C-alpha atoms as a PDB file:
ATOM      1  CA  MET A   1      75.738  98.004 110.101  1.00  0.00           C
ATOM      2  CA  SER A   2      76.952  96.632 113.404  1.00  0.00           C
ATOM      3  CA  ILE A   3      80.548  97.202 114.656  1.00  0.00           C
ATOM      4  CA  GLU A   4      81.075  93.395 114.474  1.00  0.00           C
ATOM      5  CA  VAL A   5      80.028  93.477 110.752  1.00  0.00           C
ATOM      6  CA  MET A   6      82.374  96.433 110.060  1.00  0.00           C
ATOM      7  CA  LYS A   7      85.278  94.771 111.662  1.00  0.00           C
ATOM      8  CA  GLY A   8      84.682  91.673 109.761  1.00  0.00           C
ATOM      9  CA  TRP A   9      84.124  93.105 106.374  1.00  0.00           C
ATOM     10  CA  LYS A  10      86.963  91.290 104.705  1.00  0.00           C
ATOM     11  CA  LYS A  11      85.220  87.968 105.394  1.00  0.00           C
ATOM     12  CA  ALA A  12      81.860  89.381 104.226  1.00  0.00           C
ATOM     13  CA  VAL A  13      83.327  90.743 101.028  1.00  0.00           C
ATOM     14  CA  ARG A  14      84.810  87.253 100.248  1.00  0.00           C
ATOM     15  CA  VAL A  15      81.455  85.633 100.706  1.00  0.00           C
ATOM     16  CA  VAL A  16      79.246  88.252  98.972  1.00  0.00           C
ATOM     17  CA  LEU A  17      81.545  88.734  96.101  1.00  0.00           C
ATOM     18  CA  ALA A  18      82.552  85.155  95.241  1.00  0.00           C
ATOM     19  CA  ALA A  19      80.743  85.541  92.002  1.00  0.00           C
ATOM     20  CA  VAL A  20      82.172  88.895  91.051  1.00  0.00           C
ATOM     21  CA  VAL A  21      85.929  88.530  91.873  1.00  0.00           C
ATOM     22  CA  ALA A  22      86.568  87.928  88.225  1.00  0.00           C
ATOM     23  CA  MET A  23      85.036  91.260  87.164  1.00  0.00           C
ATOM     24  CA  PRO A  24      86.629  92.475  84.032  1.00  0.00           C
ATOM     25  CA  LEU A  25      89.771  94.602  84.203  1.00  0.00           C
ATOM     26  CA  VAL A  26      91.345  96.294  81.238  1.00  0.00           C
ATOM     27  CA  ALA A  27      94.727  97.448  80.187  1.00  0.00           C
ATOM     28  CA  ALA A  28      97.014  98.546  82.851  1.00  0.00           C
ATOM     29  CA  THR A  29      97.717 102.316  83.550  1.00  0.00           C
ATOM     30  CA  GLY A  30      98.615 104.111  86.635  1.00  0.00           C
ATOM     31  CA  TYR A  31      99.052 102.222  89.861  1.00  0.00           C
ATOM     32  CA  ALA A  32      97.201  99.141  88.837  1.00  0.00           C
ATOM     33  CA  ASP A  33      94.751  97.822  86.364  1.00  0.00           C
ATOM     34  CA  THR A  34      92.237 100.354  85.063  1.00  0.00           C
ATOM     35  CA  ILE A  35      88.988  99.266  86.625  1.00  0.00           C
ATOM     36  CA  LYS A  36      85.481  99.379  85.278  1.00  0.00           C
ATOM     37  CA  VAL A  37      82.560  99.664  87.628  1.00  0.00           C
ATOM     38  CA  ASP A  38      80.156  96.755  87.880  1.00  0.00           C
ATOM     39  CA  PRO A  39      77.801  97.069  84.927  1.00  0.00           C
ATOM     40  CA  LYS A  40      74.985  95.924  87.284  1.00  0.00           C
ATOM     41  CA  LEU A  41      75.188  99.200  89.202  1.00  0.00           C
ATOM     42  CA  GLY A  42      72.169 101.364  88.573  1.00  0.00           C
ATOM     43  CA  SER A  43      72.462 104.938  87.200  1.00  0.00           C
ATOM     44  CA  TYR A  44      71.418 107.752  89.530  1.00  0.00           C
ATOM     45  CA  LYS A  45      68.002 109.093  88.983  1.00  0.00           C
ATOM     46  CA  LYS A  46      67.403 112.755  89.732  1.00  0.00           C
ATOM     47  CA  VAL A  47      64.350 113.712  91.768  1.00  0.00           C
ATOM     48  CA  GLN A  48      62.592 116.990  92.515  1.00  0.00           C
ATOM     49  CA  GLY A  49      62.898 119.255  95.493  1.00  0.00           C
ATOM     50  CA  VAL A  50      66.542 118.723  96.509  1.00  0.00           C
ATOM     51  CA  SER A  51      68.368 121.855  97.951  1.00  0.00           C
ATOM     52  CA  GLY A  52      70.109 123.156 101.060  1.00  0.00           C
ATOM     53  CA  ASN A  53      73.347 122.987 102.799  1.00  0.00           C
ATOM     54  CA  LEU A  54      75.424 119.916 103.677  1.00  0.00           C
ATOM     55  CA  ASN A  55      78.701 119.884 105.759  1.00  0.00           C
ATOM     56  CA  SER A  56      81.266 117.026 105.559  1.00  0.00           C
ATOM     57  CA  ILE A  57      83.854 116.734 108.274  1.00  0.00           C
ATOM     58  CA  GLY A  58      86.302 113.767 108.604  1.00  0.00           C
ATOM     59  CA  SER A  59      88.768 111.732 106.698  1.00  0.00           C
ATOM     60  CA  ASP A  60      91.669 113.083 104.769  1.00  0.00           C
ATOM     61  CA  THR A  61      91.790 109.942 102.763  1.00  0.00           C
ATOM     62  CA  LEU A  62      88.255 110.577 101.534  1.00  0.00           C
ATOM     63  CA  ASN A  63      88.794 114.316 101.093  1.00  0.00           C
ATOM     64  CA  ASN A  64      89.272 114.277  97.290  1.00  0.00           C
ATOM     65  CA  LEU A  65      86.485 111.764  96.861  1.00  0.00           C
ATOM     66  CA  MET A  66      83.975 113.908  98.843  1.00  0.00           C
ATOM     67  CA  ALA A  67      84.975 116.910  96.767  1.00  0.00           C
ATOM     68  CA  LEU A  68      84.481 115.052  93.499  1.00  0.00           C
ATOM     69  CA  TRP A  69      81.222 113.477  94.643  1.00  0.00           C
ATOM     70  CA  SER A  70      80.063 117.009  95.775  1.00  0.00           C
ATOM     71  CA  GLU A  71      80.912 118.479  92.453  1.00  0.00           C
ATOM     72  CA  GLY A  72      78.978 115.719  90.546  1.00  0.00           C
ATOM     73  CA  PHE A  73      76.010 115.976  92.780  1.00  0.00           C
ATOM     74  CA  ARG A  74      75.774 119.821  92.537  1.00  0.00           C
ATOM     75  CA  LYS A  75      75.666 119.494  88.764  1.00  0.00           C
ATOM     76  CA  ALA A  76      72.342 117.651  89.252  1.00  0.00           C
ATOM     77  CA  TYR A  77      71.220 119.984  92.120  1.00  0.00           C
ATOM     78  CA  PRO A  78      72.710 123.496  91.731  1.00  0.00           C
ATOM     79  CA  ASN A  79      70.720 124.523  94.785  1.00  0.00           C
ATOM     80  CA  VAL A  80      72.639 122.201  97.124  1.00  0.00           C
ATOM     81  CA  ASN A  81      75.747 123.572  98.716  1.00  0.00           C
ATOM     82  CA  ILE A  82      78.295 121.113 100.191  1.00  0.00           C
ATOM     83  CA  GLN A  83      81.310 122.185 102.436  1.00  0.00           C
ATOM     84  CA  VAL A  84      84.039 119.539 102.736  1.00  0.00           C
ATOM     85  CA  GLU A  85      86.755 119.526 105.485  1.00  0.00           C
ATOM     86  CA  GLY A  86      89.297 116.654 105.741  1.00  0.00           C
ATOM     87  CA  LYS A  87      91.469 116.708 108.726  1.00  0.00           C
ATOM     88  CA  GLY A  88      91.244 113.129 109.771  1.00  0.00           C
ATOM     89  CA  SER A  89      88.638 110.342 110.640  1.00  0.00           C
ATOM     90  CA  SER A  90      88.713 111.154 114.390  1.00  0.00           C
ATOM     91  CA  THR A  91      87.189 114.631 113.647  1.00  0.00           C
ATOM     92  CA  ALA A  92      84.101 112.973 112.080  1.00  0.00           C
ATOM     93  CA  PRO A  93      82.389 111.534 115.333  1.00  0.00           C
ATOM     94  CA  PRO A  94      82.477 114.930 117.331  1.00  0.00           C
ATOM     95  CA  ALA A  95      81.243 116.813 114.229  1.00  0.00           C
ATOM     96  CA  LEU A  96      78.340 114.483 113.953  1.00  0.00           C
ATOM     97  CA  ILE A  97      77.557 114.449 117.637  1.00  0.00           C
ATOM     98  CA  GLU A  98      77.466 118.309 117.760  1.00  0.00           C
ATOM     99  CA  GLY A  99      75.520 118.559 114.512  1.00  0.00           C
ATOM    100  CA  THR A 100      78.289 120.773 112.746  1.00  0.00           C
ATOM    101  CA  ALA A 101      78.389 118.134 110.014  1.00  0.00           C
ATOM    102  CA  GLN A 102      75.760 115.902 108.425  1.00  0.00           C
ATOM    103  CA  ILE A 103      78.288 113.625 106.777  1.00  0.00           C
ATOM    104  CA  GLY A 104      81.284 112.055 108.497  1.00  0.00           C
ATOM    105  CA  PRO A 105      83.773 110.357 106.151  1.00  0.00           C
ATOM    106  CA  MET A 106      85.985 107.826 107.926  1.00  0.00           C
ATOM    107  CA  SER A 107      88.647 105.471 106.693  1.00  0.00           C
ATOM    108  CA  ARG A 108      88.012 103.258 109.553  1.00  0.00           C
ATOM    109  CA  PRO A 109      85.098 102.023 111.494  1.00  0.00           C
ATOM    110  CA  MET A 110      83.956 104.240 114.513  1.00  0.00           C
ATOM    111  CA  LYS A 111      85.372 103.099 117.865  1.00  0.00           C
ATOM    112  CA  ARG A 112      83.114 101.780 120.495  1.00  0.00           C
ATOM    113  CA  GLN A 113      83.567 104.890 122.582  1.00  0.00           C
ATOM    114  CA  GLU A 114      82.785 107.124 119.716  1.00  0.00           C
ATOM    115  CA  ILE A 115      79.531 105.292 119.019  1.00  0.00           C
ATOM    116  CA  GLU A 116      78.626 105.412 122.759  1.00  0.00           C
ATOM    117  CA  ALA A 117      79.249 109.268 122.756  1.00  0.00           C
ATOM    118  CA  PHE A 118      77.036 109.692 119.733  1.00  0.00           C
ATOM    119  CA  GLU A 119      74.207 107.393 121.193  1.00  0.00           C
ATOM    120  CA  LYS A 120      74.450 109.400 124.559  1.00  0.00           C
ATOM    121  CA  LYS A 121      73.749 112.688 122.570  1.00  0.00           C
ATOM    122  CA  HIS A 122      71.269 111.526 120.071  1.00  0.00           C
ATOM    123  CA  GLY A 123      69.622 108.442 121.579  1.00  0.00           C
ATOM    124  CA  PHE A 124      70.576 106.085 118.701  1.00  0.00           C
ATOM    125  CA  LYS A 125      73.652 104.889 117.045  1.00  0.00           C
ATOM    126  CA  PRO A 126      75.246 106.369 113.943  1.00  0.00           C
ATOM    127  CA  THR A 127      74.719 104.721 110.575  1.00  0.00           C
ATOM    128  CA  ALA A 128      77.755 103.465 108.720  1.00  0.00           C
ATOM    129  CA  ILE A 129      77.614 103.315 104.826  1.00  0.00           C
ATOM    130  CA  GLY A 130      80.449 101.642 102.968  1.00  0.00           C
ATOM    131  CA  VAL A 131      81.196 103.811  99.980  1.00  0.00           C
ATOM    132  CA  ALA A 132      84.406 102.494  98.497  1.00  0.00           C
ATOM    133  CA  LEU A 133      87.099  99.954  98.851  1.00  0.00           C
ATOM    134  CA  ASP A 134      90.724 100.829  99.409  1.00  0.00           C
ATOM    135  CA  SER A 135      94.061  99.086  99.478  1.00  0.00           C
ATOM    136  CA  LEU A 136      96.098 100.901 102.035  1.00  0.00           C
ATOM    137  CA  ALA A 137      99.493 100.847 100.382  1.00  0.00           C
ATOM    138  CA  VAL A 138     103.066 100.751 101.684  1.00  0.00           C
ATOM    139  CA  PHE A 139     104.829 103.179  99.254  1.00  0.00           C
ATOM    140  CA  VAL A 140     108.652 103.515  98.436  1.00  0.00           C
ATOM    141  CA  ASN A 141     110.429 105.770  95.973  1.00  0.00           C
ATOM    142  CA  LYS A 142     109.950 104.818  92.374  1.00  0.00           C
ATOM    143  CA  ASP A 143     113.790 104.114  92.104  1.00  0.00           C
ATOM    144  CA  ASN A 144     113.784 101.715  94.959  1.00  0.00           C
ATOM    145  CA  PRO A 145     114.287  98.115  93.754  1.00  0.00           C
ATOM    146  CA  ILE A 146     112.287  96.346  96.548  1.00  0.00           C
ATOM    147  CA  LYS A 147     109.265  94.397  95.424  1.00  0.00           C
ATOM    148  CA  SER A 148     107.592  93.028  98.472  1.00  0.00           C
ATOM    149  CA  LEU A 149     107.642  92.794 102.285  1.00  0.00           C
ATOM    150  CA  SER A 150     105.840  90.705 104.863  1.00  0.00           C
ATOM    151  CA  LEU A 151     103.635  92.431 107.501  1.00  0.00           C
ATOM    152  CA  PRO A 152     106.049  91.322 110.234  1.00  0.00           C
ATOM    153  CA  GLU A 153     108.786  93.201 108.275  1.00  0.00           C
ATOM    154  CA  VAL A 154     106.476  96.230 107.868  1.00  0.00           C
ATOM    155  CA  ASP A 155     105.916  96.106 111.753  1.00  0.00           C
ATOM    156  CA  ALA A 156     109.665  95.962 112.294  1.00  0.00           C
ATOM    157  CA  ILE A 157     110.167  98.992 110.151  1.00  0.00           C
ATOM    158  CA  PHE A 158     107.422 101.217 111.595  1.00  0.00           C
ATOM    159  CA  SER A 159     107.006  99.777 115.062  1.00  0.00           C
ATOM    160  CA  GLN A 160     109.153  99.874 118.227  1.00  0.00           C
ATOM    161  CA  THR A 161     107.188  97.048 119.776  1.00  0.00           C
ATOM    162  CA  ARG A 162     107.489  94.343 116.952  1.00  0.00           C
ATOM    163  CA  LYS A 163     104.301  92.491 117.904  1.00  0.00           C
ATOM    164  CA  GLY A 164     104.436  90.851 114.474  1.00  0.00           C
ATOM    165  CA  GLY A 165     107.238  88.725 115.734  1.00  0.00           C
ATOM    166  CA  HIS A 166     110.092  89.800 113.494  1.00  0.00           C
ATOM    167  CA  PRO A 167     113.268  88.881 115.351  1.00  0.00           C
ATOM    168  CA  GLU A 168     115.015  92.408 114.941  1.00  0.00           C
ATOM    169  CA  ASN A 169     114.334  96.044 114.295  1.00  0.00           C
ATOM    170  CA  ILE A 170     114.690  96.908 110.683  1.00  0.00           C
ATOM    171  CA  ALA A 171     116.417 100.261 110.014  1.00  0.00           C
ATOM    172  CA  THR A 172     118.409  99.811 106.822  1.00  0.00           C
ATOM    173  CA  TRP A 173     117.421  98.570 103.435  1.00  0.00           C
ATOM    174  CA  GLY A 174     120.060  95.813 103.536  1.00  0.00           C
ATOM    175  CA  GLN A 175     117.947  94.228 106.221  1.00  0.00           C
ATOM    176  CA  VAL A 176     115.171  93.525 103.658  1.00  0.00           C
ATOM    177  CA  ASP A 177     117.733  92.031 101.237  1.00  0.00           C
ATOM    178  CA  LEU A 178     118.603  95.062  99.071  1.00  0.00           C
ATOM    179  CA  LYS A 179     122.250  94.788  97.800  1.00  0.00           C
ATOM    180  CA  GLY A 180     124.915  97.135  96.647  1.00  0.00           C
ATOM    181  CA  ASN A 181     124.699 100.783  97.357  1.00  0.00           C
ATOM    182  CA  TRP A 182     121.275 100.279  98.994  1.00  0.00           C
ATOM    183  CA  ALA A 183     122.507  97.834 101.683  1.00  0.00           C
ATOM    184  CA  GLN A 184     123.826 100.367 104.152  1.00  0.00           C
ATOM    185  CA  GLN A 185     121.148 103.111 103.400  1.00  0.00           C
ATOM    186  CA  PRO A 186     118.958 103.972 106.460  1.00  0.00           C
ATOM    187  CA  MET A 187     115.167 103.953 105.975  1.00  0.00           C
ATOM    188  CA  SER A 188     113.302 107.270 106.216  1.00  0.00           C
ATOM    189  CA  ILE A 189     109.909 106.472 107.700  1.00  0.00           C
ATOM    190  CA  TYR A 190     106.811 108.601 106.958  1.00  0.00           C
ATOM    191  CA  GLY A 191     103.316 108.226 108.372  1.00  0.00           C
ATOM    192  CA  ARG A 192     100.188 110.055 109.378  1.00  0.00           C
ATOM    193  CA  ASN A 193      99.226 111.638 112.751  1.00  0.00           C
ATOM    194  CA  SER A 194      96.902 110.154 115.338  1.00  0.00           C
ATOM    195  CA  ALA A 195      93.866 112.086 114.149  1.00  0.00           C
ATOM    196  CA  SER A 196      94.005 109.959 110.965  1.00  0.00           C
ATOM    197  CA  GLY A 197      91.827 106.847 110.526  1.00  0.00           C
ATOM    198  CA  THR A 198      94.686 105.634 108.325  1.00  0.00           C
ATOM    199  CA  TYR A 199      97.139 105.928 111.214  1.00  0.00           C
ATOM    200  CA  GLY A 200      94.706 103.865 113.368  1.00  0.00           C
ATOM    201  CA  PHE A 201      94.060 101.224 110.629  1.00  0.00           C
ATOM    202  CA  PHE A 202      97.748 100.809 110.000  1.00  0.00           C
ATOM    203  CA  LYS A 203      98.490 100.563 113.735  1.00  0.00           C
ATOM    204  CA  GLU A 204      95.788  97.917 114.180  1.00  0.00           C
ATOM    205  CA  ASN A 205      96.619  95.801 111.141  1.00  0.00           C
ATOM    206  CA  ALA A 206     100.261  96.337 110.220  1.00  0.00           C
ATOM    207  CA  LEU A 207     101.698  96.954 113.605  1.00  0.00           C
ATOM    208  CA  PHE A 208      99.593  94.282 115.252  1.00  0.00           C
ATOM    209  CA  LYS A 209      98.269  96.905 117.672  1.00  0.00           C
ATOM    210  CA  GLY A 210     101.799  97.976 118.504  1.00  0.00           C
ATOM    211  CA  ASP A 211     103.418 101.449 118.925  1.00  0.00           C
ATOM    212  CA  TYR A 212     104.927 103.457 116.283  1.00  0.00           C
ATOM    213  CA  LYS A 213     108.602 104.371 116.397  1.00  0.00           C
ATOM    214  CA  ASN A 214     109.461 107.899 117.543  1.00  0.00           C
ATOM    215  CA  THR A 215     111.445 108.292 114.284  1.00  0.00           C
ATOM    216  CA  VAL A 216     108.294 108.090 112.129  1.00  0.00           C
ATOM    217  CA  LYS A 217     107.994 111.562 110.440  1.00  0.00           C
ATOM    218  CA  GLU A 218     104.288 112.354 110.890  1.00  0.00           C
ATOM    219  CA  GLN A 219     102.590 114.170 107.990  1.00  0.00           C
ATOM    220  CA  PRO A 220      99.439 116.199 107.998  1.00  0.00           C
ATOM    221  CA  GLY A 221      97.804 114.302 105.132  1.00  0.00           C
ATOM    222  CA  SER A 222      98.122 111.327 102.822  1.00  0.00           C
ATOM    223  CA  ALA A 223      99.357 113.630  99.928  1.00  0.00           C
ATOM    224  CA  SER A 224     102.250 114.868 102.258  1.00  0.00           C
ATOM    225  CA  VAL A 225     103.315 111.244 102.921  1.00  0.00           C
ATOM    226  CA  VAL A 226     103.376 110.412  99.149  1.00  0.00           C
ATOM    227  CA  LEU A 227     105.325 113.640  98.397  1.00  0.00           C
ATOM    228  CA  SER A 228     107.877 112.987 101.103  1.00  0.00           C
ATOM    229  CA  VAL A 229     108.530 109.494  99.779  1.00  0.00           C
ATOM    230  CA  THR A 230     108.815 110.828  96.276  1.00  0.00           C
ATOM    231  CA  GLU A 231     111.440 113.314  97.345  1.00  0.00           C
ATOM    232  CA  ASP A 232     113.285 110.879  99.567  1.00  0.00           C
ATOM    233  CA  LYS A 233     115.103 108.041  97.850  1.00  0.00           C
ATOM    234  CA  ASN A 234     115.292 106.072 101.048  1.00  0.00           C
ATOM    235  CA  GLY A 235     111.713 106.897 102.041  1.00  0.00           C
ATOM    236  CA  ILE A 236     108.940 104.548 102.990  1.00  0.00           C
ATOM    237  CA  GLY A 237     105.382 105.524 104.013  1.00  0.00           C
ATOM    238  CA  TYR A 238     101.757 104.484 103.896  1.00  0.00           C
ATOM    239  CA  SER A 239      98.475 105.996 102.627  1.00  0.00           C
ATOM    240  CA  GLY A 240      95.344 105.009 100.691  1.00  0.00           C
ATOM    241  CA  ILE A 241      96.037 103.863  97.131  1.00  0.00           C
ATOM    242  CA  GLY A 242      94.159 106.770  95.705  1.00  0.00           C
ATOM    243  CA  TYR A 243      97.112 109.140  96.601  1.00  0.00           C
ATOM    244  CA  LYS A 244      99.666 107.158  94.475  1.00  0.00           C
ATOM    245  CA  THR A 245     101.681 109.274  92.070  1.00  0.00           C
ATOM    246  CA  SER A 246     104.274 108.411  89.515  1.00  0.00           C
ATOM    247  CA  GLY A 247     106.995 109.227  91.985  1.00  0.00           C
ATOM    248  CA  VAL A 248     106.265 106.202  94.190  1.00  0.00           C
ATOM    249  CA  LYS A 249     105.417 102.605  93.882  1.00  0.00           C
ATOM    250  CA  ALA A 250     103.107 100.391  96.030  1.00  0.00           C
ATOM    251  CA  ILE A 251     104.980  97.181  97.058  1.00  0.00           C
ATOM    252  CA  ALA A 252     103.360  93.813  97.395  1.00  0.00           C
ATOM    253  CA  LEU A 253     102.571  92.486 100.921  1.00  0.00           C
ATOM    254  CA  ALA A 254     102.488  89.118 102.385  1.00  0.00           C
ATOM    255  CA  GLU A 255     100.372  88.514 105.513  1.00  0.00           C
ATOM    256  CA  LYS A 256     102.987  86.276 107.160  1.00  0.00           C
ATOM    257  CA  THR A 257     106.690  85.707 106.983  1.00  0.00           C
ATOM    258  CA  GLY A 258     107.465  83.404 104.008  1.00  0.00           C
ATOM    259  CA  GLY A 259     103.932  83.928 102.687  1.00  0.00           C
ATOM    260  CA  THR A 260     102.820  84.795  99.253  1.00  0.00           C
ATOM    261  CA  PRO A 261     103.014  88.686  98.558  1.00  0.00           C
ATOM    262  CA  TYR A 262      99.959  90.149  96.849  1.00  0.00           C
ATOM    263  CA  ALA A 263      99.830  93.499  94.971  1.00  0.00           C
ATOM    264  CA  ALA A 264      97.675  96.251  96.223  1.00  0.00           C
ATOM    265  CA  ASN A 265      95.119  95.987  93.292  1.00  0.00           C
ATOM    266  CA  TYR A 266      91.314  95.540  92.987  1.00  0.00           C
ATOM    267  CA  GLU A 267      91.243  91.862  92.414  1.00  0.00           C
ATOM    268  CA  ASN A 268      93.317  90.952  95.412  1.00  0.00           C
ATOM    269  CA  VAL A 269      91.283  93.346  97.648  1.00  0.00           C
ATOM    270  CA  LEU A 270      88.005  91.682  96.523  1.00  0.00           C
ATOM    271  CA  ALA A 271      89.450  88.197  97.074  1.00  0.00           C
ATOM    272  CA  GLY A 272      90.760  89.178 100.621  1.00  0.00           C
ATOM    273  CA  LYS A 273      94.315  88.348  99.574  1.00  0.00           C
ATOM    274  CA  TYR A 274      95.796  91.793 100.035  1.00  0.00           C
ATOM    275  CA  PRO A 275      96.381  92.100 103.834  1.00  0.00           C
ATOM    276  CA  LEU A 276      95.607  95.854 104.143  1.00  0.00           C
ATOM    277  CA  GLY A 277      92.324  96.034 102.090  1.00  0.00           C
ATOM    278  CA  ARG A 278      89.677  98.027 103.751  1.00  0.00           C
ATOM    279  CA  MET A 279      86.260  99.617 103.414  1.00  0.00           C
ATOM    280  CA  LEU A 280      85.839 103.309 103.404  1.00  0.00           C
ATOM    281  CA  TYR A 281      82.830 104.869 105.079  1.00  0.00           C
ATOM    282  CA  ILE A 282      80.556 107.826 105.394  1.00  0.00           C
ATOM    283  CA  TYR A 283      78.637 108.071 108.773  1.00  0.00           C
ATOM    284  CA  VAL A 284      75.306 109.833 109.096  1.00  0.00           C
ATOM    285  CA  ALA A 285      72.894 110.535 111.881  1.00  0.00           C
ATOM    286  CA  LYS A 286      69.806 108.544 110.886  1.00  0.00           C
ATOM    287  CA  ALA A 287      67.076 108.120 113.556  1.00  0.00           C
ATOM    288  CA  PRO A 288      65.293 104.799 113.543  1.00  0.00           C
ATOM    289  CA  ASN A 289      62.266 104.621 111.293  1.00  0.00           C
ATOM    290  CA  LYS A 290      62.822 108.198 110.110  1.00  0.00           C
ATOM    291  CA  PRO A 291      64.154 109.157 106.682  1.00  0.00           C
ATOM    292  CA  LEU A 292      67.183 111.216 106.277  1.00  0.00           C
ATOM    293  CA  PRO A 293      66.889 114.687 104.976  1.00  0.00           C
ATOM    294  CA  LYS A 294      66.166 114.774 101.283  1.00  0.00           C
ATOM    295  CA  ASN A 295      69.388 116.260 100.167  1.00  0.00           C
ATOM    296  CA  LEU A 296      71.569 113.922 102.430  1.00  0.00           C
ATOM    297  CA  GLU A 297      69.568 110.823 101.286  1.00  0.00           C
ATOM    298  CA  GLU A 298      70.015 111.741  97.669  1.00  0.00           C
ATOM    299  CA  PHE A 299      73.652 112.401  98.141  1.00  0.00           C
ATOM    300  CA  VAL A 300      74.212 109.047  99.519  1.00  0.00           C
ATOM    301  CA  LYS A 301      72.227 107.431  96.698  1.00  0.00           C
ATOM    302  CA  TYR A 302      74.386 109.291  94.192  1.00  0.00           C
ATOM    303  CA  VAL A 303      77.609 108.006  95.898  1.00  0.00           C
ATOM    304  CA  LEU A 304      76.369 104.448  95.704  1.00  0.00           C
ATOM    305  CA  SER A 305      75.197 104.772  92.042  1.00  0.00           C
ATOM    306  CA  LYS A 306      77.116 103.872  88.808  1.00  0.00           C
ATOM    307  CA  GLU A 307      78.105 107.601  88.423  1.00  0.00           C
ATOM    308  CA  GLY A 308      79.230 107.805  92.112  1.00  0.00           C
ATOM    309  CA  GLN A 309      81.367 104.725  91.842  1.00  0.00           C
ATOM    310  CA  GLU A 310      82.851 105.873  88.503  1.00  0.00           C
ATOM    311  CA  ILE A 311      84.157 108.884  90.537  1.00  0.00           C
ATOM    312  CA  VAL A 312      85.739 106.327  92.963  1.00  0.00           C
ATOM    313  CA  VAL A 313      87.679 104.913  90.050  1.00  0.00           C
ATOM    314  CA  LYS A 314      88.573 108.407  88.834  1.00  0.00           C
ATOM    315  CA  ASP A 315      90.153 109.235  92.150  1.00  0.00           C
ATOM    316  CA  GLY A 316      92.209 106.000  92.136  1.00  0.00           C
ATOM    317  CA  TYR A 317      90.178 103.982  94.707  1.00  0.00           C
ATOM    318  CA  LEU A 318      88.308 100.740  94.252  1.00  0.00           C
ATOM    319  CA  PRO A 319      84.472 100.733  93.418  1.00  0.00           C
ATOM    320  CA  LEU A 320      81.828  98.691  95.169  1.00  0.00           C
ATOM    321  CA  PRO A 321      80.375  95.836  93.226  1.00  0.00           C
ATOM    322  CA  ALA A 322      76.616  96.120  92.741  1.00  0.00           C
ATOM    323  CA  ASP A 323      75.797  93.501  95.389  1.00  0.00           C
ATOM    324  CA  VAL A 324      77.782  95.378  98.072  1.00  0.00           C
ATOM    325  CA  ALA A 325      76.492  98.759  96.986  1.00  0.00           C
ATOM    326  CA  ALA A 326      72.809  97.431  97.341  1.00  0.00           C
ATOM    327  CA  LYS A 327      73.577  96.154 100.770  1.00  0.00           C
ATOM    328  CA  GLN A 328      74.908  99.531 101.826  1.00  0.00           C
ATOM    329  CA  ALA A 329      71.888 101.302 100.447  1.00  0.00           C
ATOM    330  CA  LYS A 330      69.562  99.287 102.719  1.00  0.00           C
ATOM    331  CA  ALA A 331      70.955 101.378 105.709  1.00  0.00           C
ATOM    332  CA  LEU A 332      68.943 104.293 104.240  1.00  0.00           C
ATOM    333  CA  LYS A 333      65.617 102.491 104.785  1.00  0.00           C
END
């Protein structure tokens, strides 16, 4: 998958998934509608001769997913050992370059300089495989009555540069039309650190490539962001939807001032309406015209199978429709 394709994935998803946007959603529980995987996804078929060690280093957003996938894969192949470390997407490229990891989970596409560094070492580009969809959510405390924000407002809350064009800095809840006791309450802003792919994605898409405020309280992981907002009535923060708990709520977002806000749910991500929808990736070092090591190849096939995508749903993320999963699997050939 080229970097241009990765950057334009929203457009591609809208085109490829035109026929499946109306996939069945059943009764609501948790953060959104309970989701069923695409019935066209094939079940994983176990093969012989799979064993050995795999190391995964990268995204915190994908950390739980990697652990659950590894657990399921090892049930099929007890002789495979998978070590998972999630300290941020920026740790994946150097681990793949140096060979300390065979799997590099990332919640953003690799940057050009990361790809160039990999190619300089290996002589070929890394292979990106989309493994799940995510709605990067803006969370507030469950007791906060706010229902929606526009991206320019989000930018004015988190950014000191306000490249989204909002006319003033936003520092209190009254500035986003909350009334009564809320009006004068100052916002407590929580985010990730610069090693995080989520930090980079949010900066690129919600801050319009601007700079974070110095008052953003940086957290070591997505779970810490959500916990902070849970414990702080005036809190606001961002993370992947899979980290949502009962202590927070994900607010609807509008792309432009005065635009229609859309909830951070599966249907809106598939349709390209939710403005912070994204693909989640794992990167591997696949030499041209050569197969991956058997254990790694089968692990990726498992992730893209019906069983692997059911784990995506279990962890609170959004599964790939069959057409998209099949497209990702072609990267293995």
